[in-house]
Protein backbone atom coordinates (compact mmCIF):
# COMPACT_ATOMS: atom_id res chain seq x y z
CA MET A 1 -0.03 0.11 -0.27
CA ARG A 2 0.99 3.01 -0.95
CA LYS A 3 0.00 4.74 2.28
CA LYS A 4 -1.07 3.19 5.39
CA LEU A 5 -4.79 3.92 6.20
CA PHE A 6 -5.65 6.58 8.49
CA SER A 7 -8.39 7.42 10.36
CA LEU A 8 -11.15 10.34 10.42
CA LEU A 9 -14.04 10.24 12.38
CA VAL A 10 -18.38 10.61 11.93
CA ILE A 11 -19.87 11.71 11.88
CA PRO A 12 -21.60 10.11 12.33
CA ALA A 13 -23.24 14.20 10.62
CA VAL A 14 -21.87 13.69 9.24
CA LEU A 15 -18.43 12.88 9.21
CA ALA A 16 -22.26 11.06 10.04
CA ALA A 17 -21.43 12.01 9.44
CA THR A 18 -23.41 11.53 12.56
CA MET A 19 -26.59 13.82 12.52
CA VAL A 20 -29.45 14.00 14.67
CA VAL A 21 -32.08 16.43 16.20
CA SER A 22 -35.16 15.83 18.47
CA CYS A 23 -36.86 18.01 20.47
CA LYS A 24 -38.55 18.63 23.96
CA LYS A 25 -40.45 21.72 24.76
CA ASP A 26 -40.85 21.05 28.46
CA LYS A 27 -38.03 19.92 29.82
CA PRO A 28 -34.95 22.41 28.52
CA LEU A 29 -31.85 20.88 29.32
CA THR A 30 -28.24 21.08 28.33
CA SER A 31 -26.54 18.93 25.39
CA GLU A 32 -24.51 16.76 27.76
CA SER A 33 -27.83 15.47 29.08
CA ASN A 34 -28.80 14.36 25.49
CA ASP A 35 -32.15 16.44 26.26
CA VAL A 36 -32.89 19.35 24.01
CA THR A 37 -33.94 23.18 24.48
CA THR A 38 -34.93 23.51 20.84
CA THR A 39 -38.74 22.49 19.60
CA LYS A 40 -40.13 21.72 16.36
CA GLU A 41 -42.53 24.65 16.41
CA GLY A 42 -42.33 26.60 13.25
CA THR A 43 -42.20 26.03 9.23
CA HIS A 44 -40.48 22.59 8.53
CA TYR A 45 -37.72 21.80 5.69
CA THR A 46 -36.19 18.76 4.18
CA VAL A 47 -32.70 18.43 3.68
CA ASP A 48 -31.35 18.38 -0.17
CA THR A 49 -29.35 15.32 -0.08
CA LEU A 50 -27.97 15.64 -3.35
CA ASN A 51 -26.75 19.21 -2.37
CA SER A 52 -25.47 18.47 1.30
CA LYS A 53 -22.31 16.67 2.70
CA VAL A 54 -19.87 16.27 5.04
CA GLU A 55 -16.43 16.95 4.41
CA TRP A 56 -13.77 14.96 6.15
CA LYS A 57 -9.76 15.01 6.90
CA GLY A 58 -7.77 12.49 8.38
CA TYR A 59 -4.27 12.76 9.21
CA LYS A 60 -0.89 10.30 9.55
CA ILE A 61 2.59 11.29 11.16
CA PHE A 62 5.52 9.97 9.31
CA LYS A 63 9.23 10.69 10.47
CA SER A 64 9.48 12.57 7.56
CA GLU A 65 6.42 14.07 6.74
CA ASN A 66 2.82 14.55 7.70
CA THR A 67 0.09 12.96 4.98
CA SER A 68 -3.62 12.91 4.57
CA HIS A 69 -6.55 11.76 3.18
CA PHE A 70 -9.88 13.84 3.01
CA GLY A 71 -13.26 13.09 1.41
CA ILE A 72 -16.97 13.33 1.88
CA ILE A 73 -20.33 11.41 3.35
CA LYS A 74 -23.47 11.97 2.12
CA PHE A 75 -26.92 12.73 3.95
CA GLU A 76 -29.30 10.07 4.02
CA ASN A 77 -32.02 12.54 5.31
CA GLY A 78 -32.52 15.68 7.68
CA ASP A 79 -35.05 17.90 9.08
CA ILE A 80 -34.76 21.63 10.03
CA THR A 81 -37.43 23.98 11.90
CA VAL A 82 -37.49 27.39 11.21
CA LYS A 83 -39.05 30.01 13.69
CA ASP A 84 -39.61 33.70 13.08
CA GLU A 85 -37.01 33.37 10.11
CA LYS A 86 -34.48 31.63 12.17
CA LEU A 87 -32.91 28.07 12.72
CA GLU A 88 -34.70 26.47 15.77
CA SER A 89 -33.97 22.59 15.10
CA GLY A 90 -32.18 20.03 12.79
CA LYS A 91 -31.74 16.48 12.44
CA PHE A 92 -28.95 15.54 9.95
CA VAL A 93 -28.64 11.65 9.16
CA ALA A 94 -25.11 10.73 7.40
CA ASP A 95 -24.95 7.60 5.33
CA MET A 96 -21.75 6.10 6.39
CA ASN A 97 -21.77 3.64 3.17
CA SER A 98 -21.44 6.83 1.24
CA LEU A 99 -18.09 7.53 3.00
CA THR A 100 -15.37 8.02 0.00
CA SER A 101 -12.04 9.54 -0.26
CA VAL A 102 -11.49 12.71 -2.50
CA ASP A 103 -7.81 12.57 -2.70
CA LEU A 104 -7.45 9.29 -4.26
CA LYS A 105 -10.38 9.58 -6.64
CA ASP A 106 -8.07 9.08 -9.88
CA ASP A 107 -6.34 6.19 -8.21
CA ALA A 108 -9.26 3.13 -8.28
CA ASP A 109 -7.27 0.33 -6.71
CA GLN A 110 -6.02 2.40 -3.62
CA LEU A 111 -9.43 4.08 -3.56
CA GLY A 112 -10.92 0.72 -3.06
CA LYS A 113 -8.66 -0.25 -0.66
CA LEU A 114 -8.88 2.94 1.68
CA ASN A 115 -12.50 3.15 1.45
CA GLY A 116 -13.10 -0.29 2.34
CA HIS A 117 -10.68 -0.09 5.20
CA LEU A 118 -12.35 2.63 6.69
CA LYS A 119 -15.53 0.92 6.62
CA SER A 120 -14.61 -2.23 8.02
CA GLY A 121 -14.51 -3.12 11.89
CA ASP A 122 -10.85 -1.43 12.20
CA PHE A 123 -12.93 2.06 11.77
CA PHE A 124 -16.16 2.52 11.45
CA GLU A 125 -18.03 -0.70 11.21
CA VAL A 126 -20.21 0.34 8.62
CA GLU A 127 -22.15 -3.05 8.38
CA LYS A 128 -23.16 -2.63 11.97
CA PHE A 129 -23.65 1.60 12.31
CA PRO A 130 -24.78 2.30 8.90
CA THR A 131 -26.08 6.13 9.91
CA ALA A 132 -24.20 8.64 11.41
CA SER A 133 -26.21 11.75 13.26
CA TYR A 134 -25.98 15.40 14.56
CA GLU A 135 -28.50 16.53 16.88
CA ILE A 136 -28.82 20.31 17.50
CA THR A 137 -30.32 21.21 20.86
CA LYS A 138 -29.54 24.70 21.02
CA VAL A 139 -29.11 27.50 18.52
CA THR A 140 -27.05 30.84 19.54
CA PRO A 141 -26.68 33.76 17.33
CA ALA A 142 -22.84 35.20 17.19
CA SER A 143 -22.28 38.58 16.71
CA GLU A 144 -18.27 38.48 16.65
CA GLY A 145 -15.86 36.71 14.04
CA ASP A 146 -16.37 34.91 10.51
CA TYR A 147 -19.88 33.01 11.88
CA ASN A 148 -23.55 34.41 12.73
CA THR A 149 -24.24 31.07 14.59
CA LEU A 150 -22.99 28.88 17.36
CA LEU A 151 -24.61 25.39 17.24
CA ASP A 152 -24.53 22.59 20.18
CA GLY A 153 -25.58 19.28 19.84
CA ASN A 154 -24.87 15.61 20.33
CA LEU A 155 -22.52 14.04 17.66
CA THR A 156 -23.59 10.01 17.21
CA ILE A 157 -20.90 7.98 15.60
CA LYS A 158 -20.48 3.87 15.81
CA GLY A 159 -23.68 3.89 18.67
CA ILE A 160 -21.67 6.47 21.02
CA THR A 161 -22.87 9.89 21.47
CA LYS A 162 -21.07 12.89 22.83
CA PRO A 163 -21.47 16.99 22.81
CA ALA A 164 -20.36 18.81 19.68
CA GLN A 165 -20.30 22.35 19.35
CA PHE A 166 -20.09 24.07 15.88
CA LYS A 167 -19.62 27.69 14.67
CA ALA A 168 -21.63 27.87 11.37
CA ASN A 169 -22.92 30.46 9.04
CA VAL A 170 -26.91 30.25 8.76
CA SER A 171 -29.05 31.57 5.97
CA VAL A 172 -33.08 31.34 5.73
CA LYS A 173 -34.19 33.21 2.50
CA ASP A 174 -36.90 32.28 0.00
CA GLY A 175 -37.68 29.30 1.11
CA GLU A 176 -34.25 27.71 1.48
CA VAL A 177 -32.19 27.01 4.71
CA SER A 178 -28.20 26.46 4.17
CA ILE A 179 -25.84 25.78 7.20
CA ALA A 180 -22.03 25.97 6.63
CA THR A 181 -19.75 24.88 9.47
CA GLU A 182 -16.67 25.99 10.50
CA PRO A 183 -13.89 22.89 10.03
CA LYS A 184 -13.84 21.49 13.48
CA ASP A 185 -11.43 18.49 15.06
CA ILE A 186 -13.06 15.68 16.82
CA LYS A 187 -11.49 12.78 18.66
CA ARG A 188 -12.09 9.54 17.03
CA GLU A 189 -10.94 7.26 19.79
CA GLU A 190 -13.82 9.14 21.75
CA PHE A 191 -16.31 7.56 19.26
CA GLY A 192 -14.42 4.03 19.08
CA VAL A 193 -12.24 4.30 16.18
CA LYS A 194 -8.92 3.42 17.70
CA PHE A 195 -7.37 1.65 15.02
CA GLN A 196 -3.22 2.01 14.62
CA ALA A 197 -1.14 0.45 11.77
CA PRO A 198 2.41 -0.85 13.09
CA ALA A 199 4.63 2.52 14.16
CA ALA A 200 7.18 1.78 11.64
CA ASN A 201 4.19 2.72 9.05
CA GLY A 202 3.63 6.08 10.83
CA VAL A 203 0.97 7.32 13.52
CA ILE A 204 -2.47 8.05 12.83
CA LYS A 205 -3.75 11.25 14.17
CA ASP A 206 -6.67 11.21 17.01
CA GLU A 207 -8.04 14.30 15.60
CA VAL A 208 -10.32 14.05 12.78
CA THR A 209 -11.45 17.15 11.06
CA LEU A 210 -15.16 17.80 9.99
CA GLN A 211 -17.08 20.31 8.09
CA ILE A 212 -20.71 20.58 7.61
CA SER A 213 -22.60 21.72 4.41
CA VAL A 214 -26.45 21.70 4.63
CA LYS A 215 -28.68 23.13 2.09
CA ALA A 216 -32.61 22.29 2.90
CA LEU A 217 -36.17 23.30 1.18
CA GLU A 218 -39.19 24.27 2.51
CA LYS A 219 -41.91 21.12 2.58
CA LYS A 220 -44.73 22.18 0.60
């Protein structure tokens, strides 16, 4: 193998990667308890799965260089609620079978090996855990920096759920919602993705970078 396989997360959105939202109106609690402060009151939107994705990047460290693989995960489905022209909640479910590398797209042999390894029990065990999810639990406007919204939520990968916060640019306009998050590092080992190749082949970093891009259309 030209490059031993590394890892990424998961997102299970989501890398899902990773990504689900549910709602309770009567018990607003923190994301750490897996309860939510959002509701589903408002206008409902459906995620456009053809124009939404999770971008991932994983890293491997050799003695003489750092290398990486990067790619995408598509969404299986998702829903968003808008209230008073503002994002209220969202449910994003990523299809882990769609996980693929982009950097190896011109090398079919290496692409097949990498994708197969990432989907195996060494990494995301896709046969057992075919989806990942991200569940928004809180939406906070942001007045500073390059992003206009702070999203708190629960990221689920391989059946393991952890709180995850993303900075994002959110737009609600003309029957369409768009969400574009800042690239964020997560720790794959927290989600049970602990594979390491022999040390002589380099060290796979625990950090994996995820970036979520979602477009959703108003339900008619």
